[in-house]
Amino acid sequence: MVEKVGNRSGIGGKTRSGAVAQRPLRRDRSSTATLGAKLQMLMAYLPLALKFGLAVLIGVFVFLGYRAAASASFFQIRNIETRGVARASLEAVQATVRNEVSKTGVWRADLHEISARLERLPWVRTATVSRVLPDGIRIRISEREPRVVVHTSSGRFVWVDEDAVLLSEMVPTDQMPTFFLRGWNEDEGSTAQAENRDRVRKFLELQRDWDAQTLSERVSEVNLADLRDVRAQLAGDDSQIEVRLGSQDHGPRLVKALDTLDKLRQTPRGPFISYLDLNQGKRVIVGLVSGSRAVSDESESSNDRLPGAAASADKSLVSKKVKSAAAQVEKDKALPGNTQTRGDRKTR
């Protein structure tokens, strides 16, 4: 019995001592679990940081690779494909592209800057630039269209487009325009450019109107220095005559002026008419040459033949004016740079 009791007490003591020993063990498991949770949370955040770091590294390597590739001889300009060049200088276009692309290579070329530089060249209105990797650039040019010939103050005849951009001087092989534009503002700057655009716009409007009425062939030049005082220099046998059309109704006024002129050509004063003024619209004021100047002689209302002695006196007065002015008129026609040269040449 003693042995059994001893065995019981021993077993019971071991059990109790084991129970006591298990309590700290349970506390250790709790600490281990807490540490594991923390590690698990840390591991949850660790991939995000790694991803971010990896993305940064990849970006750096791509950038360095890009720089290296762009500067490599593999992307140096070798081919320039150009389309749409007819009047512009092909050599100037290609030289501009090579000069820009040789600094950066095809890959890093600034296409917008190349386009802007090309559009500063004569005759180039727009330029579309694209890459043809690895070593090519493609250029598509839209050229300016010559619309008007400007007679400058220095006597040059220069083509301009509808944007009032000076293009090139007219050459003998060019098609002769029906008439020229005078009164160009030759200053530089946005103000002069805007004024000249208005002049070109007005010129084209007059040209369409007068072509439709078959009046253009009788005009040598139109002076648009002041758009409120449009003046047409006539051509051919009437090249010494200026028609002052004012600010409006230019077509009807020119028709009226030419009708009046054709009637007056049958009178003694016809050869010495200097100008026809229609600024007032209804009246045609006729200016006659008197010596070295023009004098206002009559209006349309007094163009009818004068009766009897009055008509004789009028003719006598005109005859005296003719005799006194004839020599000066011939001298004026012979002067170099005379404005009548264009009109006389047009008839020939």
Foldseek 3Di string as FASTA:
>chain_A
DVVVVVVVVVVVVVVVVVVVVVVVVVVVVVVVVVVVVVVVVVVVCVVVVVVVVVVVVVVVVVVVVVQVVQPDPQQAADEEAEPDDDPFDPVVLVVLVNVQCNVTGLVPGDQVVSQVVVCVGAQFPGWHWDGDPRHYIYIYTDGFDFDAWAQEPVRWTFTAGLQRDTHGTDDPVDDDDLAHEYQQDPDDDDVSSVLSNVSSVVVVVVVVLCVVVVNSNQFHYWYVNDLQWIKTQTADLRNQEIETQGNDPNNVSVVVVVVLLVVCCVALQNSFWRYWYCNVPPKTFTWGDAAPDTDTDDIPVPSDQDDDPVNVVVNVVSVVRCVNHVVVVVVLVPDPPRSSPSRNVSVD
